[in-house]
Structure formats: C-alpha cells, structure tokens
Amino acid sequence: MMEAAFARTASMFRREIHRDTLNDRLYTHHAAFLLDAASFYGSRSYVHDAVAALNHAIELSPHRIQQRMLLARLYTDDRDHDEARVVLEDAVRADPGLGEPRYALAENYLRYGKADSALAMLESSLKHGYVGAPEIYLAIGKHLEFSRRSGRAAKLYSSYL
C-alpha cells in the first residue's frame, strides 16, 4: 500500500509540475515529498532530487524563504552545517524583515560554538518578531552566564519572555 501511495503521489506531482512549470510552491512541496520518500526508502537519490527541486524553486522565487528553510534543514539533517549556514545567510538576505531565518541561523552558529554570533542572530530574530523554542535561549543564556555576562543573559531571557 505504501509503495502504491508513493507512486501515485509522485505521478501527481509530475502531472501538476508539467501543467504549471513556474509554480515554485509545487517544487517545494515535491521536495518535501521526496524527502519523505528518501526517509522511507533509505535512498540518497531522493535527497539529491529534493535538493534539485528546492534549488529550482529558489530560482523561480528568489525572495521566498520557505524553500531555503527546507533546504537548510535538509543540510542540517545531513550534518552539512557549513552548507546550511550559507543557505540560511542567503535566506536572511532574501527577506531581511523576517525573524525565522535569523533564529535558524542562530541555531547553526550555536552548533559551531559561535555563541556571540548566535546571540546577535537570536536578538535580531526577536526584534523581527520571531520567537523560537526555549532551548536555544537557555543554551546561549547559560553561555553568557558562564562567561560572566549575566546582565546580557538576563536581557536575553526577558526579551524572550
């Protein structure tokens, strides 16, 4: 049944994309489907196809960040944090008024031990109205406290709340 469902869905995406080749959202949703297929089948070829679909979606709508966020998550899941960071930095440039890519970039910086860069992006995401999960705020706050910057940590905590 699962095999048939994947086959029907793949066929549906092919038809819809053929019908509307300039719809970036179709490519984005197709990429999400391909990532599900990659997970289900354990096949890297689906991942490569998803990357291609996302890159095409980015070409079609360079100012939309949904494709970039999915691509960055894909790279993060593959532990390619350098490539994820490049995509997230591009997402910030593509739509500088959004806080979500800044928050994701803060998470990326934190993985690399760049706490000050993470703090700057986190504060910027808050200024742009995006509040993420508390774990990253706590991790950066703890780093600030241990580096004797408890005032800055308190400011971060109060901004989050």
N, C-alpha and C. Protein backbone atom coordinates (compact mmCIF):
# COMPACT_ATOMS: atom_id res chain seq x y z
N MET A 1 0.82 -1.19 0.00
CA MET A 1 0.00 0.00 0.00
C MET A 1 0.87 1.26 0.00
N MET A 2 1.95 1.24 0.79
CA MET A 2 2.82 2.42 0.85
C MET A 2 3.48 2.66 -0.50
N GLU A 3 3.92 1.59 -1.12
CA GLU A 3 4.55 1.69 -2.44
C GLU A 3 3.59 2.34 -3.44
N ALA A 4 2.35 1.90 -3.41
CA ALA A 4 1.35 2.45 -4.33
C ALA A 4 1.07 3.92 -4.02
N ALA A 5 1.04 4.26 -2.74
CA ALA A 5 0.79 5.66 -2.35
C ALA A 5 1.93 6.56 -2.82
N PHE A 6 3.17 6.11 -2.65
CA PHE A 6 4.31 6.90 -3.12
C PHE A 6 4.27 7.04 -4.65
N ALA A 7 3.93 5.98 -5.33
CA ALA A 7 3.87 6.02 -6.80
C ALA A 7 2.78 6.98 -7.28
N ARG A 8 1.60 6.93 -6.65
CA ARG A 8 0.51 7.84 -7.03
C ARG A 8 0.88 9.29 -6.76
N THR A 9 1.49 9.53 -5.63
CA THR A 9 1.88 10.89 -5.28
C THR A 9 2.94 11.42 -6.22
N ALA A 10 3.93 10.60 -6.54
CA ALA A 10 4.97 11.01 -7.49
C ALA A 10 4.36 11.33 -8.85
N SER A 11 3.43 10.51 -9.28
CA SER A 11 2.76 10.73 -10.56
C SER A 11 1.96 12.03 -10.54
N MET A 12 1.29 12.29 -9.44
CA MET A 12 0.50 13.52 -9.31
C MET A 12 1.42 14.74 -9.38
N PHE A 13 2.56 14.69 -8.69
CA PHE A 13 3.49 15.82 -8.75
C PHE A 13 4.02 16.03 -10.16
N ARG A 14 4.35 14.97 -10.86
CA ARG A 14 4.84 15.10 -12.25
C ARG A 14 3.79 15.79 -13.12
N ARG A 15 2.53 15.37 -12.99
CA ARG A 15 1.45 15.97 -13.77
C ARG A 15 1.28 17.45 -13.44
N GLU A 16 1.22 17.76 -12.16
CA GLU A 16 1.00 19.15 -11.75
C GLU A 16 2.16 20.05 -12.15
N ILE A 17 3.38 19.59 -11.99
CA ILE A 17 4.54 20.39 -12.36
C ILE A 17 4.59 20.57 -13.88
N HIS A 18 4.22 19.54 -14.63
CA HIS A 18 4.18 19.66 -16.08
C HIS A 18 3.12 20.69 -16.50
N ARG A 19 2.01 20.72 -15.76
CA ARG A 19 0.92 21.65 -16.05
C ARG A 19 1.28 23.09 -15.68
N ASP A 20 2.07 23.26 -14.60
CA ASP A 20 2.39 24.61 -14.10
C ASP A 20 3.88 24.67 -13.74
N THR A 21 4.72 24.79 -14.73
CA THR A 21 6.17 24.70 -14.54
C THR A 21 6.77 25.88 -13.80
N LEU A 22 6.03 26.94 -13.60
CA LEU A 22 6.57 28.13 -12.93
C LEU A 22 6.07 28.29 -11.50
N ASN A 23 5.41 27.27 -10.98
CA ASN A 23 4.87 27.33 -9.62
C ASN A 23 5.93 26.82 -8.63
N ASP A 24 6.61 27.75 -7.98
CA ASP A 24 7.69 27.39 -7.06
C ASP A 24 7.18 26.56 -5.88
N ARG A 25 5.95 26.78 -5.48
CA ARG A 25 5.41 26.04 -4.33
C ARG A 25 5.23 24.55 -4.66
N LEU A 26 4.90 24.26 -5.90
CA LEU A 26 4.82 22.85 -6.30
C LEU A 26 6.16 22.16 -6.14
N TYR A 27 7.23 22.84 -6.57
CA TYR A 27 8.57 22.26 -6.44
C TYR A 27 8.95 22.09 -4.97
N THR A 28 8.54 23.03 -4.14
CA THR A 28 8.85 22.95 -2.71
C THR A 28 8.12 21.77 -2.07
N HIS A 29 6.85 21.63 -2.38
CA HIS A 29 6.07 20.50 -1.83
C HIS A 29 6.57 19.18 -2.40
N HIS A 30 6.96 19.20 -3.66
CA HIS A 30 7.53 17.99 -4.26
C HIS A 30 8.81 17.60 -3.54
N ALA A 31 9.64 18.58 -3.21
CA ALA A 31 10.88 18.30 -2.48
C ALA A 31 10.58 17.70 -1.11
N ALA A 32 9.57 18.21 -0.42
CA ALA A 32 9.20 17.65 0.88
C ALA A 32 8.76 16.20 0.72
N PHE A 33 7.98 15.92 -0.33
CA PHE A 33 7.58 14.55 -0.62
C PHE A 33 8.80 13.67 -0.89
N LEU A 34 9.75 14.19 -1.68
CA LEU A 34 10.96 13.42 -1.99
C LEU A 34 11.77 13.12 -0.74
N LEU A 35 11.78 14.04 0.20
CA LEU A 35 12.49 13.78 1.46
C LEU A 35 11.78 12.71 2.28
N ASP A 36 10.46 12.70 2.23
CA ASP A 36 9.72 11.61 2.89
C ASP A 36 10.05 10.28 2.23
N ALA A 37 10.11 10.27 0.91
CA ALA A 37 10.45 9.05 0.18
C ALA A 37 11.88 8.61 0.51
N ALA A 38 12.79 9.58 0.61
CA ALA A 38 14.18 9.25 0.96
C ALA A 38 14.25 8.60 2.33
N SER A 39 13.48 9.12 3.25
CA SER A 39 13.45 8.55 4.60
C SER A 39 12.83 7.15 4.60
N PHE A 40 11.73 7.00 3.88
CA PHE A 40 11.03 5.72 3.84
C PHE A 40 11.87 4.63 3.16
N TYR A 41 12.46 4.98 2.02
CA TYR A 41 13.21 4.01 1.23
C TYR A 41 14.69 3.95 1.60
N GLY A 42 15.17 4.92 2.33
CA GLY A 42 16.60 4.97 2.67
C GLY A 42 17.46 5.21 1.45
N SER A 43 16.97 6.03 0.54
CA SER A 43 17.67 6.26 -0.72
C SER A 43 18.16 7.70 -0.83
N ARG A 44 19.46 7.86 -1.07
CA ARG A 44 20.05 9.18 -1.25
C ARG A 44 19.63 9.83 -2.57
N SER A 45 19.23 9.04 -3.54
CA SER A 45 18.84 9.64 -4.82
C SER A 45 17.63 10.54 -4.65
N TYR A 46 16.72 10.20 -3.74
CA TYR A 46 15.58 11.08 -3.47
C TYR A 46 16.04 12.39 -2.85
N VAL A 47 17.06 12.32 -2.01
CA VAL A 47 17.60 13.54 -1.39
C VAL A 47 18.19 14.45 -2.47
N HIS A 48 18.95 13.87 -3.39
CA HIS A 48 19.54 14.66 -4.48
C HIS A 48 18.44 15.30 -5.34
N ASP A 49 17.37 14.55 -5.60
CA ASP A 49 16.26 15.10 -6.37
C ASP A 49 15.57 16.22 -5.60
N ALA A 50 15.46 16.08 -4.27
CA ALA A 50 14.85 17.12 -3.45
C ALA A 50 15.68 18.40 -3.48
N VAL A 51 17.01 18.26 -3.40
CA VAL A 51 17.89 19.43 -3.48
C VAL A 51 17.70 20.14 -4.82
N ALA A 52 17.63 19.36 -5.89
CA ALA A 52 17.42 19.95 -7.22
C ALA A 52 16.08 20.68 -7.30
N ALA A 53 15.04 20.08 -6.75
CA ALA A 53 13.71 20.71 -6.77
C ALA A 53 13.71 22.00 -5.95
N LEU A 54 14.38 21.99 -4.81
CA LEU A 54 14.44 23.20 -3.98
C LEU A 54 15.24 24.30 -4.65
N ASN A 55 16.35 23.93 -5.27
CA ASN A 55 17.14 24.94 -5.98
C ASN A 55 16.35 25.55 -7.13
N HIS A 56 15.55 24.72 -7.81
CA HIS A 56 14.72 25.23 -8.89
C HIS A 56 13.65 26.18 -8.33
N ALA A 57 13.06 25.81 -7.21
CA ALA A 57 12.05 26.67 -6.57
C ALA A 57 12.67 28.01 -6.16
N ILE A 58 13.90 27.98 -5.68
CA ILE A 58 14.59 29.22 -5.30
C ILE A 58 14.83 30.09 -6.53
N GLU A 59 15.20 29.47 -7.63
CA GLU A 59 15.39 30.22 -8.88
C GLU A 59 14.08 30.88 -9.33
N LEU A 60 12.98 30.17 -9.15
CA LEU A 60 11.69 30.71 -9.58
C LEU A 60 11.21 31.87 -8.69
N SER A 61 11.46 31.77 -7.39
CA SER A 61 11.03 32.81 -6.44
C SER A 61 12.17 33.12 -5.48
N PRO A 62 13.08 33.97 -5.92
CA PRO A 62 14.28 34.23 -5.11
C PRO A 62 14.03 34.96 -3.79
N HIS A 63 12.86 35.56 -3.62
CA HIS A 63 12.60 36.29 -2.37
C HIS A 63 11.76 35.50 -1.37
N ARG A 64 11.40 34.30 -1.72
CA ARG A 64 10.62 33.46 -0.80
C ARG A 64 11.59 32.61 0.02
N ILE A 65 11.34 32.48 1.31
CA ILE A 65 12.31 31.76 2.15
C ILE A 65 11.93 30.33 2.46
N GLN A 66 10.70 29.93 2.20
CA GLN A 66 10.27 28.57 2.56
C GLN A 66 11.19 27.52 1.96
N GLN A 67 11.57 27.69 0.71
CA GLN A 67 12.45 26.73 0.04
C GLN A 67 13.82 26.70 0.72
N ARG A 68 14.32 27.87 1.06
CA ARG A 68 15.63 27.95 1.70
C ARG A 68 15.61 27.30 3.09
N MET A 69 14.52 27.50 3.81
CA MET A 69 14.42 26.91 5.15
C MET A 69 14.41 25.39 5.07
N LEU A 70 13.68 24.86 4.10
CA LEU A 70 13.65 23.40 3.92
C LEU A 70 15.01 22.88 3.48
N LEU A 71 15.67 23.61 2.59
CA LEU A 71 16.99 23.20 2.13
C LEU A 71 18.00 23.25 3.28
N ALA A 72 17.93 24.27 4.10
CA ALA A 72 18.83 24.37 5.26
C ALA A 72 18.58 23.22 6.24
N ARG A 73 17.32 22.88 6.45
CA ARG A 73 17.01 21.76 7.35
C ARG A 73 17.55 20.45 6.79
N LEU A 74 17.44 20.29 5.47
CA LEU A 74 17.98 19.10 4.81
C LEU A 74 19.49 19.02 5.06
N TYR A 75 20.21 20.12 4.84
CA TYR A 75 21.66 20.12 5.06
C TYR A 75 21.99 19.90 6.53
N THR A 76 21.21 20.47 7.42
CA THR A 76 21.45 20.28 8.86
C THR A 76 21.25 18.81 9.23
N ASP A 77 20.19 18.20 8.71
CA ASP A 77 19.94 16.79 8.99
C ASP A 77 21.07 15.91 8.46
N ASP A 78 21.68 16.35 7.34
CA ASP A 78 22.82 15.62 6.76
C ASP A 78 24.14 15.99 7.43
N ARG A 79 24.07 16.83 8.45
CA ARG A 79 25.25 17.30 9.20
C ARG A 79 26.21 18.11 8.31
N ASP A 80 25.67 18.75 7.32
CA ASP A 80 26.45 19.66 6.47
C ASP A 80 26.13 21.08 6.94
N HIS A 81 26.64 21.42 8.12
CA HIS A 81 26.30 22.69 8.76
C HIS A 81 26.85 23.89 8.01
N ASP A 82 27.97 23.72 7.30
CA ASP A 82 28.51 24.83 6.51
C ASP A 82 27.55 25.21 5.40
N GLU A 83 27.05 24.23 4.68
CA GLU A 83 26.12 24.49 3.59
C GLU A 83 24.80 25.04 4.14
N ALA A 84 24.36 24.51 5.28
CA ALA A 84 23.13 25.02 5.91
C ALA A 84 23.30 26.49 6.26
N ARG A 85 24.46 26.85 6.79
CA ARG A 85 24.71 28.25 7.17
C ARG A 85 24.66 29.16 5.93
N VAL A 86 25.26 28.71 4.84
CA VAL A 86 25.25 29.50 3.60
C VAL A 86 23.80 29.74 3.14
N VAL A 87 22.99 28.70 3.18
CA VAL A 87 21.60 28.81 2.75
C VAL A 87 20.82 29.74 3.69
N LEU A 88 21.07 29.63 4.99
CA LEU A 88 20.37 30.49 5.95
C LEU A 88 20.78 31.95 5.82
N GLU A 89 22.07 32.18 5.59
CA GLU A 89 22.52 33.56 5.38
C GLU A 89 21.86 34.14 4.13
N ASP A 90 21.71 33.30 3.11
CA ASP A 90 21.03 33.72 1.89
C ASP A 90 19.55 34.01 2.17
N ALA A 91 18.93 33.22 3.05
CA ALA A 91 17.53 33.44 3.41
C ALA A 91 17.36 34.78 4.12
N VAL A 92 18.30 35.13 4.98
CA VAL A 92 18.24 36.42 5.67
C VAL A 92 18.34 37.56 4.66
N ARG A 93 19.23 37.42 3.69
CA ARG A 93 19.36 38.45 2.64
C ARG A 93 18.13 38.50 1.74
N ALA A 94 17.52 37.35 1.48
CA ALA A 94 16.37 37.29 0.57
C ALA A 94 15.16 38.02 1.15
N ASP A 95 14.96 37.91 2.45
CA ASP A 95 13.84 38.61 3.10
C ASP A 95 14.30 39.10 4.46
N PRO A 96 14.95 40.26 4.49
CA PRO A 96 15.55 40.76 5.73
C PRO A 96 14.56 41.13 6.82
N GLY A 97 13.29 41.19 6.50
CA GLY A 97 12.30 41.55 7.51
C GLY A 97 11.79 40.39 8.33
N LEU A 98 12.24 39.18 8.06
CA LEU A 98 11.74 38.01 8.78
C LEU A 98 12.71 37.56 9.86
N GLY A 99 12.17 37.07 10.95
CA GLY A 99 13.00 36.61 12.06
C GLY A 99 13.31 35.13 12.03
N GLU A 100 12.48 34.32 11.37
CA GLU A 100 12.67 32.87 11.38
C GLU A 100 14.02 32.44 10.83
N PRO A 101 14.48 32.96 9.69
CA PRO A 101 15.80 32.51 9.21
C PRO A 101 16.92 32.97 10.15
N ARG A 102 16.74 34.08 10.82
CA ARG A 102 17.73 34.55 11.79
C ARG A 102 17.82 33.59 12.98
N TYR A 103 16.66 33.11 13.43
CA TYR A 103 16.62 32.15 14.52
C TYR A 103 17.32 30.85 14.11
N ALA A 104 17.03 30.37 12.90
CA ALA A 104 17.67 29.14 12.41
C ALA A 104 19.18 29.33 12.27
N LEU A 105 19.58 30.52 11.85
CA LEU A 105 21.00 30.82 11.74
C LEU A 105 21.65 30.85 13.13
N ALA A 106 20.93 31.35 14.12
CA ALA A 106 21.43 31.34 15.50
C ALA A 106 21.66 29.90 15.96
N GLU A 107 20.73 29.00 15.63
CA GLU A 107 20.91 27.58 15.98
C GLU A 107 22.16 27.02 15.31
N ASN A 108 22.35 27.38 14.05
CA ASN A 108 23.52 26.90 13.31
C ASN A 108 24.81 27.41 13.95
N TYR A 109 24.85 28.70 14.27
CA TYR A 109 26.03 29.27 14.90
C TYR A 109 26.31 28.59 16.25
N LEU A 110 25.26 28.30 16.99
CA LEU A 110 25.44 27.66 18.29
C LEU A 110 26.05 26.27 18.14
N ARG A 111 25.67 25.54 17.10
CA ARG A 111 26.26 24.21 16.85
C ARG A 111 27.76 24.29 16.62
N TYR A 112 28.20 25.42 16.08
CA TYR A 112 29.63 25.61 15.80
C TYR A 112 30.37 26.27 16.96
N GLY A 113 29.67 26.51 18.05
CA GLY A 113 30.31 27.14 19.20
C GLY A 113 30.52 28.63 19.03
N LYS A 114 29.81 29.24 18.09
CA LYS A 114 29.91 30.68 17.86
C LYS A 114 28.77 31.36 18.62
N ALA A 115 28.92 31.37 19.94
CA ALA A 115 27.83 31.85 20.80
C ALA A 115 27.54 33.33 20.60
N ASP A 116 28.56 34.15 20.39
CA ASP A 116 28.31 35.58 20.21
C ASP A 116 27.56 35.85 18.91
N SER A 117 27.92 35.15 17.84
CA SER A 117 27.19 35.29 16.58
C SER A 117 25.76 34.76 16.74
N ALA A 118 25.62 33.67 17.47
CA ALA A 118 24.29 33.11 17.73
C ALA A 118 23.45 34.11 18.52
N LEU A 119 24.06 34.74 19.52
CA LEU A 119 23.34 35.72 20.32
C LEU A 119 22.86 36.88 19.45
N ALA A 120 23.73 37.39 18.59
CA ALA A 120 23.35 38.50 17.72
C ALA A 120 22.17 38.13 16.82
N MET A 121 22.21 36.93 16.25
CA MET A 121 21.11 36.49 15.37
C MET A 121 19.84 36.25 16.17
N LEU A 122 19.99 35.73 17.38
CA LEU A 122 18.83 35.47 18.22
C LEU A 122 18.15 36.77 18.62
N GLU A 123 18.94 37.76 19.02
CA GLU A 123 18.38 39.07 19.37
C GLU A 123 17.72 39.70 18.14
N SER A 124 18.33 39.53 17.00
CA SER A 124 17.77 40.06 15.76
C SER A 124 16.45 39.37 15.42
N SER A 125 16.37 38.06 15.64
CA SER A 125 15.11 37.35 15.35
C SER A 125 14.00 37.85 16.27
N LEU A 126 14.34 38.13 17.52
CA LEU A 126 13.35 38.66 18.45
C LEU A 126 12.89 40.05 18.01
N LYS A 127 13.81 40.88 17.55
CA LYS A 127 13.45 42.23 17.08
C LYS A 127 12.52 42.16 15.86
N HIS A 128 12.66 41.08 15.10
CA HIS A 128 11.81 40.91 13.92
C HIS A 128 10.55 40.11 14.23
N GLY A 129 10.29 39.89 15.52
CA GLY A 129 9.04 39.28 15.94
C GLY A 129 8.98 37.77 15.91
N TYR A 130 10.12 37.10 15.83
CA TYR A 130 10.10 35.63 15.80
C TYR A 130 10.65 35.09 17.11
N VAL A 131 9.87 34.23 17.75
CA VAL A 131 10.28 33.58 18.98
C VAL A 131 10.27 32.08 18.73
N GLY A 132 11.42 31.46 18.93
CA GLY A 132 11.54 30.02 18.70
C GLY A 132 11.46 29.24 20.00
N ALA A 133 11.96 28.02 19.96
CA ALA A 133 11.94 27.11 21.11
C ALA A 133 12.87 27.63 22.21
N PRO A 134 12.53 27.37 23.46
CA PRO A 134 13.31 27.93 24.57
C PRO A 134 14.72 27.35 24.72
N GLU A 135 14.98 26.18 24.17
CA GLU A 135 16.28 25.53 24.38
C GLU A 135 17.45 26.40 23.92
N ILE A 136 17.32 27.05 22.79
CA ILE A 136 18.43 27.85 22.28
C ILE A 136 18.65 29.09 23.14
N TYR A 137 17.59 29.68 23.64
CA TYR A 137 17.73 30.84 24.52
C TYR A 137 18.43 30.44 25.81
N LEU A 138 18.04 29.28 26.33
CA LEU A 138 18.67 28.79 27.55
C LEU A 138 20.15 28.46 27.33
N ALA A 139 20.47 27.84 26.20
CA ALA A 139 21.86 27.48 25.91
C ALA A 139 22.73 28.73 25.79
N ILE A 140 22.24 29.73 25.08
CA ILE A 140 23.03 30.95 24.92
C ILE A 140 23.08 31.71 26.23
N GLY A 141 21.96 31.74 26.95
CA GLY A 141 21.96 32.39 28.26
C GLY A 141 22.94 31.75 29.22
N LYS A 142 22.99 30.44 29.22
CA LYS A 142 23.95 29.73 30.08
C LYS A 142 25.38 30.08 29.69
N HIS A 143 25.64 30.14 28.39
CA HIS A 143 26.98 30.52 27.92
C HIS A 143 27.32 31.93 28.41
N LEU A 144 26.38 32.83 28.33
CA LEU A 144 26.61 34.20 28.78
C LEU A 144 26.88 34.25 30.29
N GLU A 145 26.11 33.49 31.03
CA GLU A 145 26.32 33.46 32.48
C GLU A 145 27.69 32.93 32.85
N PHE A 146 28.13 31.85 32.18
CA PHE A 146 29.44 31.28 32.46
C PHE A 146 30.58 32.19 32.02
N SER A 147 30.32 33.05 31.05
CA SER A 147 31.36 33.98 30.60
C SER A 147 31.22 35.33 31.30
N ARG A 148 30.54 35.30 32.44
CA ARG A 148 30.39 36.46 33.33
C ARG A 148 29.68 37.64 32.66
N ARG A 149 28.69 37.33 31.86
CA ARG A 149 27.87 38.36 31.24
C ARG A 149 26.41 38.12 31.61
N SER A 150 26.18 38.04 32.93
CA SER A 150 24.84 37.71 33.41
C SER A 150 23.82 38.80 33.09
N GLY A 151 24.26 40.04 32.99
CA GLY A 151 23.34 41.12 32.62
C GLY A 151 22.81 40.91 31.21
N ARG A 152 23.69 40.52 30.33
CA ARG A 152 23.28 40.25 28.93
C ARG A 152 22.36 39.03 28.88
N ALA A 153 22.67 38.03 29.71
CA ALA A 153 21.81 36.84 29.77
C ALA A 153 20.42 37.23 30.27
N ALA A 154 20.36 38.05 31.30
CA ALA A 154 19.07 38.48 31.84
C ALA A 154 18.27 39.24 30.79
N LYS A 155 18.95 40.09 30.01
CA LYS A 155 18.29 40.83 28.96
C LYS A 155 17.72 39.88 27.90
N LEU A 156 18.50 38.85 27.55
CA LEU A 156 18.02 37.87 26.57
C LEU A 156 16.80 37.13 27.11
N TYR A 157 16.87 36.70 28.37
CA TYR A 157 15.74 35.98 28.96
C TYR A 157 14.48 36.85 28.98
N SER A 158 14.64 38.11 29.37
CA SER A 158 13.46 38.98 29.46
C SER A 158 12.92 39.30 28.06
N SER A 159 13.79 39.41 27.07
CA SER A 159 13.32 39.64 25.70
C SER A 159 12.54 38.44 25.21
N TYR A 160 12.97 37.25 25.59
CA TYR A 160 12.28 36.04 25.17
C TYR A 160 10.88 35.96 25.81
N LEU A 161 10.83 36.32 27.09
CA LEU A 161 9.56 36.24 27.80
C LEU A 161 8.66 37.36 27.39
